[in-house]
């Protein structure tokens, strides 16, 4: 009853179109109409990177990816409405919209194995301080709650700060993120559903074997795949052999095939 009264006196509105939210969706930030506008990414596509077909010869977008990164998929195309949702998550100070984005990903993407570990793309320290949270981690946690998987938010770190990728060409993106990630040193232990770095006094409850674990990189947007591929290289250097990647949005980019 208190929720119903609050909705009556102060009705919730969609963050994107500002229409009033139905009571059944009052806990969401995006209305059903705006979610319906998000266009799902559908095949045919490159079986590895998800770049839309047709392809003439080997796909150039993923040909230089590390061997351990076997597949990347995105839930929806980054059209105006989906882009506005990502902008709200990254720049608008609305971390809770990650739940709406994760719901779309769960609806459109095949779930990973239950024993898979979700690895969010890390932010640099400066950007994390300015934003107050890592949008990829918020997305990974929202997905983990739905899929019943674990998250390893401390497995990767930024080895250096990088410029924003938004205005960069595909070649410049590769150079910008080259060597940008590294695995943290030290053992990992399970704490409250997360794989985190083991502290000196903590009791290690279980073992994390990166070479035997299915790792799933999580990010908000796939553009050229440069960031995901570089993060996968860092994991592969640490011994990972089974890496996939999932994102909410996929930018419409020129055909690199």
C-alpha atoms as a PDB file:
ATOM      1  CA  UNK A   1       0.000   0.000   0.000  1.00  0.00           C
ATOM      2  CA  UNK A   2       2.764   2.580   0.746  1.00  0.00           C
ATOM      3  CA  UNK A   3       4.234   1.944  -2.735  1.00  0.00           C
ATOM      4  CA  UNK A   4       0.830   2.349  -4.339  1.00  0.00           C
ATOM      5  CA  UNK A   5       0.243   5.610  -2.448  1.00  0.00           C
ATOM      6  CA  UNK A   6       3.673   6.923  -3.398  1.00  0.00           C
ATOM      7  CA  UNK A   7       3.039   6.049  -7.046  1.00  0.00           C
ATOM      8  CA  UNK A   8      -0.291   7.867  -6.889  1.00  0.00           C
ATOM      9  CA  UNK A   9       1.127  11.005  -5.271  1.00  0.00           C
ATOM     10  CA  UNK A  10       4.482  11.023  -7.064  1.00  0.00           C
ATOM     11  CA  UNK A  11       4.213   8.807 -10.140  1.00  0.00           C
ATOM     12  CA  UNK A  12       7.431   7.496 -11.622  1.00  0.00           C
ATOM     13  CA  UNK A  13       8.353   8.488 -15.149  1.00  0.00           C
ATOM     14  CA  UNK A  14      10.541   6.945 -17.814  1.00  0.00           C
ATOM     15  CA  UNK A  15      14.072   8.308 -17.716  1.00  0.00           C
ATOM     16  CA  UNK A  16      14.243   8.345 -21.512  1.00  0.00           C
ATOM     17  CA  UNK A  17      10.871   9.625 -22.781  1.00  0.00           C
ATOM     18  CA  UNK A  18       9.471  11.024 -19.489  1.00  0.00           C
ATOM     19  CA  UNK A  19       6.126   9.296 -19.889  1.00  0.00           C
ATOM     20  CA  UNK A  20       4.505   7.970 -16.718  1.00  0.00           C
ATOM     21  CA  UNK A  21       5.429   4.407 -15.858  1.00  0.00           C
ATOM     22  CA  UNK A  22       2.665   1.849 -15.310  1.00  0.00           C
ATOM     23  CA  UNK A  23       2.426   0.783 -11.678  1.00  0.00           C
ATOM     24  CA  UNK A  24       3.628  -2.721 -12.569  1.00  0.00           C
ATOM     25  CA  UNK A  25       6.855  -1.177 -13.926  1.00  0.00           C
ATOM     26  CA  UNK A  26       7.265   1.594 -11.373  1.00  0.00           C
ATOM     27  CA  UNK A  27      10.541   0.145 -10.088  1.00  0.00           C
ATOM     28  CA  UNK A  28      12.107   0.402 -13.543  1.00  0.00           C
ATOM     29  CA  UNK A  29      13.699   3.476 -15.072  1.00  0.00           C
ATOM     30  CA  UNK A  30      12.789   2.698 -18.684  1.00  0.00           C
ATOM     31  CA  UNK A  31       9.189   2.285 -19.824  1.00  0.00           C
ATOM     32  CA  UNK A  32       7.993  -0.714 -21.880  1.00  0.00           C
ATOM     33  CA  UNK A  33       7.599   1.466 -24.993  1.00  0.00           C
ATOM     34  CA  UNK A  34      11.231   2.616 -24.899  1.00  0.00           C
ATOM     35  CA  UNK A  35      12.434  -0.926 -24.230  1.00  0.00           C
ATOM     36  CA  UNK A  36      10.393  -2.090 -27.205  1.00  0.00           C
ATOM     37  CA  UNK A  37      12.283   0.424 -29.377  1.00  0.00           C
ATOM     38  CA  UNK A  38      15.575  -1.330 -28.642  1.00  0.00           C
ATOM     39  CA  UNK A  39      16.286  -3.425 -31.746  1.00  0.00           C
ATOM     40  CA  UNK A  40      17.742  -6.820 -30.980  1.00  0.00           C
ATOM     41  CA  UNK A  41      20.910  -7.850 -32.792  1.00  0.00           C
ATOM     42  CA  UNK A  42      20.063 -10.863 -34.929  1.00  0.00           C
ATOM     43  CA  UNK A  43      22.032 -13.215 -37.211  1.00  0.00           C
ATOM     44  CA  UNK A  44      23.412 -13.657 -39.791  1.00  0.00           C
ATOM     45  CA  UNK A  45      26.683 -12.554 -38.254  1.00  0.00           C
ATOM     46  CA  UNK A  46      30.288 -13.560 -37.813  1.00  0.00           C
ATOM     47  CA  UNK A  47      30.107 -16.542 -35.471  1.00  0.00           C
ATOM     48  CA  UNK A  48      33.027 -15.188 -33.463  1.00  0.00           C
ATOM     49  CA  UNK A  49      32.557 -11.438 -33.081  1.00  0.00           C
ATOM     50  CA  UNK A  50      28.895 -10.996 -34.037  1.00  0.00           C
ATOM     51  CA  UNK A  51      29.656  -8.523 -36.841  1.00  0.00           C
ATOM     52  CA  UNK A  52      26.674  -8.565 -39.226  1.00  0.00           C
ATOM     53  CA  UNK A  53      27.039 -10.595 -42.421  1.00  0.00           C
ATOM     54  CA  UNK A  54      27.474 -10.911 -45.337  1.00  0.00           C
ATOM     55  CA  UNK A  55      31.204 -11.450 -45.155  1.00  0.00           C
ATOM     56  CA  UNK A  56      33.525 -11.790 -48.086  1.00  0.00           C
ATOM     57  CA  UNK A  57      36.446 -13.792 -46.813  1.00  0.00           C
ATOM     58  CA  UNK A  58      37.619 -13.939 -43.185  1.00  0.00           C
ATOM     59  CA  UNK A  59      36.158 -11.345 -40.834  1.00  0.00           C
ATOM     60  CA  UNK A  60      38.716  -8.578 -40.411  1.00  0.00           C
ATOM     61  CA  UNK A  61      37.129  -7.279 -37.226  1.00  0.00           C
ATOM     62  CA  UNK A  62      38.141 -10.269 -35.094  1.00  0.00           C
ATOM     63  CA  UNK A  63      40.975 -11.875 -37.054  1.00  0.00           C
ATOM     64  CA  UNK A  64      43.633 -10.449 -34.700  1.00  0.00           C
ATOM     65  CA  UNK A  65      41.808 -11.240 -31.468  1.00  0.00           C
ATOM     66  CA  UNK A  66      43.595 -13.483 -28.967  1.00  0.00           C
ATOM     67  CA  UNK A  67      42.713 -17.136 -29.487  1.00  0.00           C
ATOM     68  CA  UNK A  68      41.205 -17.393 -26.011  1.00  0.00           C
ATOM     69  CA  UNK A  69      38.452 -14.879 -26.915  1.00  0.00           C
ATOM     70  CA  UNK A  70      36.074 -17.163 -28.746  1.00  0.00           C
ATOM     71  CA  UNK A  71      32.856 -15.151 -29.067  1.00  0.00           C
ATOM     72  CA  UNK A  72      31.303 -11.723 -28.481  1.00  0.00           C
ATOM     73  CA  UNK A  73      27.601 -10.912 -28.565  1.00  0.00           C
ATOM     74  CA  UNK A  74      25.490  -7.805 -28.005  1.00  0.00           C
ATOM     75  CA  UNK A  75      21.836  -7.561 -27.066  1.00  0.00           C
ATOM     76  CA  UNK A  76      20.608  -4.516 -29.007  1.00  0.00           C
ATOM     77  CA  UNK A  77      21.717  -2.026 -31.627  1.00  0.00           C
ATOM     78  CA  UNK A  78      22.918   1.296 -30.292  1.00  0.00           C
ATOM     79  CA  UNK A  79      20.125   3.363 -31.812  1.00  0.00           C
ATOM     80  CA  UNK A  80      18.982   6.656 -30.288  1.00  0.00           C
ATOM     81  CA  UNK A  81      16.945   5.172 -27.437  1.00  0.00           C
ATOM     82  CA  UNK A  82      19.537   2.550 -26.477  1.00  0.00           C
ATOM     83  CA  UNK A  83      22.296   5.154 -26.726  1.00  0.00           C
ATOM     84  CA  UNK A  84      20.366   7.425 -24.367  1.00  0.00           C
ATOM     85  CA  UNK A  85      20.121   4.573 -21.854  1.00  0.00           C
ATOM     86  CA  UNK A  86      23.882   3.953 -22.036  1.00  0.00           C
ATOM     87  CA  UNK A  87      24.535   7.690 -21.691  1.00  0.00           C
ATOM     88  CA  UNK A  88      22.370   7.770 -18.549  1.00  0.00           C
ATOM     89  CA  UNK A  89      24.373   4.889 -17.103  1.00  0.00           C
ATOM     90  CA  UNK A  90      27.821   6.239 -17.960  1.00  0.00           C
ATOM     91  CA  UNK A  91      27.442   9.986 -17.704  1.00  0.00           C
ATOM     92  CA  UNK A  92      24.053  10.755 -16.209  1.00  0.00           C
ATOM     93  CA  UNK A  93      24.658   9.393 -12.731  1.00  0.00           C
ATOM     94  CA  UNK A  94      21.970   6.706 -13.035  1.00  0.00           C
ATOM     95  CA  UNK A  95      23.683   3.427 -12.063  1.00  0.00           C
ATOM     96  CA  UNK A  96      20.295   1.810 -11.354  1.00  0.00           C
ATOM     97  CA  UNK A  97      19.462   1.833 -15.071  1.00  0.00           C
ATOM     98  CA  UNK A  98      21.939  -1.058 -15.320  1.00  0.00           C
ATOM     99  CA  UNK A  99      19.018  -3.252 -14.181  1.00  0.00           C
ATOM    100  CA  UNK A 100      17.001  -2.262 -17.273  1.00  0.00           C
ATOM    101  CA  UNK A 101      19.974  -2.880 -19.566  1.00  0.00           C
ATOM    102  CA  UNK A 102      20.679  -6.232 -17.922  1.00  0.00           C
ATOM    103  CA  UNK A 103      17.037  -7.273 -18.357  1.00  0.00           C
ATOM    104  CA  UNK A 104      17.370  -6.674 -22.099  1.00  0.00           C
ATOM    105  CA  UNK A 105      20.602  -8.669 -22.202  1.00  0.00           C
ATOM    106  CA  UNK A 106      19.021 -11.591 -20.371  1.00  0.00           C
ATOM    107  CA  UNK A 107      16.094 -11.522 -22.775  1.00  0.00           C
ATOM    108  CA  UNK A 108      18.212 -11.443 -25.949  1.00  0.00           C
ATOM    109  CA  UNK A 109      21.415 -13.337 -25.113  1.00  0.00           C
ATOM    110  CA  UNK A 110      22.071 -16.950 -24.285  1.00  0.00           C
ATOM    111  CA  UNK A 111      23.068 -17.322 -20.623  1.00  0.00           C
ATOM    112  CA  UNK A 112      26.609 -18.377 -19.776  1.00  0.00           C
ATOM    113  CA  UNK A 113      27.264 -21.605 -17.852  1.00  0.00           C
ATOM    114  CA  UNK A 114      26.251 -21.393 -14.202  1.00  0.00           C
ATOM    115  CA  UNK A 115      29.884 -21.795 -13.132  1.00  0.00           C
ATOM    116  CA  UNK A 116      31.043 -18.963 -15.419  1.00  0.00           C
ATOM    117  CA  UNK A 117      32.612 -15.875 -13.854  1.00  0.00           C
ATOM    118  CA  UNK A 118      31.604 -12.402 -15.070  1.00  0.00           C
ATOM    119  CA  UNK A 119      34.545 -10.014 -15.440  1.00  0.00           C
ATOM    120  CA  UNK A 120      33.591  -6.333 -15.863  1.00  0.00           C
ATOM    121  CA  UNK A 121      35.875  -4.104 -17.926  1.00  0.00           C
ATOM    122  CA  UNK A 122      37.629  -1.922 -15.321  1.00  0.00           C
ATOM    123  CA  UNK A 123      37.732   1.864 -15.299  1.00  0.00           C
ATOM    124  CA  UNK A 124      40.852   3.903 -14.704  1.00  0.00           C
ATOM    125  CA  UNK A 125      41.220   5.309 -11.202  1.00  0.00           C
ATOM    126  CA  UNK A 126      40.582   8.898 -12.274  1.00  0.00           C
ATOM    127  CA  UNK A 127      37.441   8.107 -14.207  1.00  0.00           C
ATOM    128  CA  UNK A 128      36.177   5.881 -11.399  1.00  0.00           C
ATOM    129  CA  UNK A 129      36.592   8.704  -8.878  1.00  0.00           C
ATOM    130  CA  UNK A 130      34.806  11.167 -11.145  1.00  0.00           C
ATOM    131  CA  UNK A 131      31.922   8.816 -11.959  1.00  0.00           C
ATOM    132  CA  UNK A 132      31.634   7.193  -8.548  1.00  0.00           C
ATOM    133  CA  UNK A 133      31.041   3.700  -9.955  1.00  0.00           C
ATOM    134  CA  UNK A 134      32.051   1.434 -12.812  1.00  0.00           C
ATOM    135  CA  UNK A 135      29.125   1.043 -15.213  1.00  0.00           C
ATOM    136  CA  UNK A 136      30.417  -2.316 -16.451  1.00  0.00           C
ATOM    137  CA  UNK A 137      30.555  -3.645 -12.895  1.00  0.00           C
ATOM    138  CA  UNK A 138      26.995  -2.459 -12.231  1.00  0.00           C
ATOM    139  CA  UNK A 139      25.914  -4.248 -15.390  1.00  0.00           C
ATOM    140  CA  UNK A 140      27.803  -7.417 -14.413  1.00  0.00           C
ATOM    141  CA  UNK A 141      26.206  -7.470 -10.971  1.00  0.00           C
ATOM    142  CA  UNK A 142      22.723  -7.012 -12.422  1.00  0.00           C
ATOM    143  CA  UNK A 143      23.368  -9.902 -14.819  1.00  0.00           C
ATOM    144  CA  UNK A 144      24.828 -12.113 -12.086  1.00  0.00           C
ATOM    145  CA  UNK A 145      21.707 -11.611  -9.973  1.00  0.00           C
ATOM    146  CA  UNK A 146      19.573 -12.874 -12.853  1.00  0.00           C
ATOM    147  CA  UNK A 147      21.821 -15.692 -14.046  1.00  0.00           C
ATOM    148  CA  UNK A 148      23.050 -16.909 -10.656  1.00  0.00           C
ATOM    149  CA  UNK A 149      26.689 -16.468 -11.664  1.00  0.00           C
ATOM    150  CA  UNK A 150      29.638 -14.987  -9.789  1.00  0.00           C
ATOM    151  CA  UNK A 151      31.432 -11.702 -10.493  1.00  0.00           C
ATOM    152  CA  UNK A 152      35.188 -11.036 -10.324  1.00  0.00           C
ATOM    153  CA  UNK A 153      35.371  -7.222 -10.199  1.00  0.00           C
ATOM    154  CA  UNK A 154      39.001  -7.214  -9.044  1.00  0.00           C
ATOM    155  CA  UNK A 155      40.458  -9.678 -11.545  1.00  0.00           C
ATOM    156  CA  UNK A 156      41.424  -7.030 -14.110  1.00  0.00           C
ATOM    157  CA  UNK A 157      42.816  -3.559 -13.545  1.00  0.00           C
ATOM    158  CA  UNK A 158      43.755  -0.655 -15.762  1.00  0.00           C
ATOM    159  CA  UNK A 159      47.510  -0.566 -16.181  1.00  0.00           C
ATOM    160  CA  UNK A 160      47.234   3.031 -17.391  1.00  0.00           C
ATOM    161  CA  UNK A 161      44.631   5.667 -18.084  1.00  0.00           C
ATOM    162  CA  UNK A 162      43.345   5.834 -21.654  1.00  0.00           C
ATOM    163  CA  UNK A 163      41.595   8.511 -23.662  1.00  0.00           C
ATOM    164  CA  UNK A 164      37.900   8.067 -24.297  1.00  0.00           C
ATOM    165  CA  UNK A 165      37.293   5.878 -27.346  1.00  0.00           C
ATOM    166  CA  UNK A 166      34.218   7.731 -28.578  1.00  0.00           C
ATOM    167  CA  UNK A 167      35.780   9.899 -31.304  1.00  0.00           C
ATOM    168  CA  UNK A 168      38.654   7.587 -32.267  1.00  0.00           C
ATOM    169  CA  UNK A 169      39.033   5.691 -35.531  1.00  0.00           C
ATOM    170  CA  UNK A 170      39.284   1.880 -35.402  1.00  0.00           C
ATOM    171  CA  UNK A 171      43.085   1.990 -35.768  1.00  0.00           C
ATOM    172  CA  UNK A 172      43.387   4.682 -33.104  1.00  0.00           C
ATOM    173  CA  UNK A 173      41.204   2.614 -30.781  1.00  0.00           C
ATOM    174  CA  UNK A 174      43.622  -0.303 -31.034  1.00  0.00           C
ATOM    175  CA  UNK A 175      46.576   1.921 -30.213  1.00  0.00           C
ATOM    176  CA  UNK A 176      44.709   3.647 -27.393  1.00  0.00           C
ATOM    177  CA  UNK A 177      43.981   0.431 -25.457  1.00  0.00           C
ATOM    178  CA  UNK A 178      47.193  -1.468 -26.287  1.00  0.00           C
ATOM    179  CA  UNK A 179      48.596  -2.724 -22.996  1.00  0.00           C
ATOM    180  CA  UNK A 180      45.867  -0.935 -21.030  1.00  0.00           C
ATOM    181  CA  UNK A 181      44.878  -3.935 -18.875  1.00  0.00           C
ATOM    182  CA  UNK A 182      46.616  -6.368 -16.589  1.00  0.00           C
ATOM    183  CA  UNK A 183      45.593  -9.076 -14.186  1.00  0.00           C
ATOM    184  CA  UNK A 184      46.023  -8.346 -10.519  1.00  0.00           C
ATOM    185  CA  UNK A 185      48.612 -10.357  -8.661  1.00  0.00           C
ATOM    186  CA  UNK A 186      47.551 -12.533  -5.769  1.00  0.00           C
ATOM    187  CA  UNK A 187      45.067 -15.259  -4.972  1.00  0.00           C
ATOM    188  CA  UNK A 188      41.357 -14.903  -5.435  1.00  0.00           C
ATOM    189  CA  UNK A 189      38.782 -16.012  -2.903  1.00  0.00           C
ATOM    190  CA  UNK A 190      34.997 -16.102  -2.849  1.00  0.00           C
ATOM    191  CA  UNK A 191      33.479 -13.346  -0.704  1.00  0.00           C
ATOM    192  CA  UNK A 192      29.729 -12.700  -0.662  1.00  0.00           C
ATOM    193  CA  UNK A 193      29.278 -14.119  -4.141  1.00  0.00           C
ATOM    194  CA  UNK A 194      32.247 -12.241  -5.633  1.00  0.00           C
ATOM    195  CA  UNK A 195      35.706 -13.399  -6.535  1.00  0.00           C
ATOM    196  CA  UNK A 196      37.976 -10.842  -4.863  1.00  0.00           C
ATOM    197  CA  UNK A 197      41.607 -10.503  -3.928  1.00  0.00           C
ATOM    198  CA  UNK A 198      42.576 -12.513  -0.884  1.00  0.00           C
ATOM    199  CA  UNK A 199      43.555 -10.478   2.171  1.00  0.00           C
ATOM    200  CA  UNK A 200      46.269 -11.596   4.532  1.00  0.00           C
ATOM    201  CA  UNK A 201      43.887 -12.432   7.355  1.00  0.00           C
ATOM    202  CA  UNK A 202      40.992 -13.738   5.312  1.00  0.00           C
ATOM    203  CA  UNK A 203      40.056 -17.388   5.251  1.00  0.00           C
ATOM    204  CA  UNK A 204      40.180 -18.773   1.751  1.00  0.00           C
ATOM    205  CA  UNK A 205      36.962 -20.655   1.159  1.00  0.00           C
ATOM    206  CA  UNK A 206      37.485 -21.931  -2.378  1.00  0.00           C
ATOM    207  CA  UNK A 207      39.972 -21.967  -5.220  1.00  0.00           C
ATOM    208  CA  UNK A 208      39.821 -19.948  -8.409  1.00  0.00           C
ATOM    209  CA  UNK A 209      41.646 -21.597 -11.318  1.00  0.00           C
ATOM    210  CA  UNK A 210      41.663 -19.153 -14.196  1.00  0.00           C
ATOM    211  CA  UNK A 211      42.842 -21.733 -16.718  1.00  0.00           C
ATOM    212  CA  UNK A 212      39.811 -23.916 -15.922  1.00  0.00           C
ATOM    213  CA  UNK A 213      37.189 -21.189 -15.580  1.00  0.00           C
ATOM    214  CA  UNK A 214      34.828 -19.833 -18.224  1.00  0.00           C
ATOM    215  CA  UNK A 215      35.309 -16.072 -18.085  1.00  0.00           C
ATOM    216  CA  UNK A 216      32.755 -13.649 -19.525  1.00  0.00           C
ATOM    217  CA  UNK A 217      33.857 -10.059 -20.145  1.00  0.00           C
ATOM    218  CA  UNK A 218      31.038  -7.561 -19.545  1.00  0.00           C
ATOM    219  CA  UNK A 219      30.899  -4.069 -21.039  1.00  0.00           C
ATOM    220  CA  UNK A 220      28.200  -1.591 -21.977  1.00  0.00           C
ATOM    221  CA  UNK A 221      28.932  -1.144 -25.691  1.00  0.00           C
ATOM    222  CA  UNK A 222      30.712  -3.026 -28.469  1.00  0.00           C
ATOM    223  CA  UNK A 223      32.066  -0.746 -31.188  1.00  0.00           C
ATOM    224  CA  UNK A 224      35.120  -2.339 -32.803  1.00  0.00           C
ATOM    225  CA  UNK A 225      35.900  -4.830 -30.039  1.00  0.00           C
ATOM    226  CA  UNK A 226      39.313  -3.277 -29.344  1.00  0.00           C
ATOM    227  CA  UNK A 227      38.713  -2.882 -25.602  1.00  0.00           C
ATOM    228  CA  UNK A 228      37.323  -6.382 -25.175  1.00  0.00           C
ATOM    229  CA  UNK A 229      40.153  -7.933 -27.184  1.00  0.00           C
ATOM    230  CA  UNK A 230      42.809  -6.131 -25.138  1.00  0.00           C
ATOM    231  CA  UNK A 231      41.165  -7.157 -21.872  1.00  0.00           C
ATOM    232  CA  UNK A 232      41.059 -10.744 -23.150  1.00  0.00           C
ATOM    233  CA  UNK A 233      44.794 -10.563 -23.955  1.00  0.00           C
ATOM    234  CA  UNK A 234      45.507  -9.667 -20.343  1.00  0.00           C
ATOM    235  CA  UNK A 235      43.412 -12.603 -19.130  1.00  0.00           C
ATOM    236  CA  UNK A 236      45.070 -14.932 -21.643  1.00  0.00           C
ATOM    237  CA  UNK A 237      48.514 -13.871 -20.406  1.00  0.00           C
ATOM    238  CA  UNK A 238      47.335 -14.908 -16.962  1.00  0.00           C
ATOM    239  CA  UNK A 239      46.388 -18.362 -18.209  1.00  0.00           C
ATOM    240  CA  UNK A 240      42.730 -17.999 -19.238  1.00  0.00           C
ATOM    241  CA  UNK A 241      41.764 -20.245 -22.136  1.00  0.00           C
ATOM    242  CA  UNK A 242      37.972 -19.787 -22.335  1.00  0.00           C
ATOM    243  CA  UNK A 243      36.799 -16.174 -22.692  1.00  0.00           C
ATOM    244  CA  UNK A 244      33.609 -14.760 -24.184  1.00  0.00           C
ATOM    245  CA  UNK A 245      32.225 -11.220 -24.118  1.00  0.00           C
ATOM    246  CA  UNK A 246      28.753  -9.763 -23.721  1.00  0.00           C
ATOM    247  CA  UNK A 247      27.598  -6.163 -24.106  1.00  0.00           C
ATOM    248  CA  UNK A 248      24.281  -4.372 -23.956  1.00  0.00           C
ATOM    249  CA  UNK A 249      24.694  -2.282 -27.099  1.00  0.00           C
ATOM    250  CA  UNK A 250      26.427  -2.730 -30.444  1.00  0.00           C
ATOM    251  CA  UNK A 251      27.383   0.354 -32.385  1.00  0.00           C
ATOM    252  CA  UNK A 252      26.579   0.426 -36.076  1.00  0.00           C
ATOM    253  CA  UNK A 253      30.045   0.654 -37.592  1.00  0.00           C
ATOM    254  CA  UNK A 254      31.449   0.402 -41.122  1.00  0.00           C
ATOM    255  CA  UNK A 255      31.905  -3.088 -42.513  1.00  0.00           C
ATOM    256  CA  UNK A 256      35.523  -4.046 -41.799  1.00  0.00           C
ATOM    257  CA  UNK A 257      35.270  -7.306 -43.709  1.00  0.00           C
END
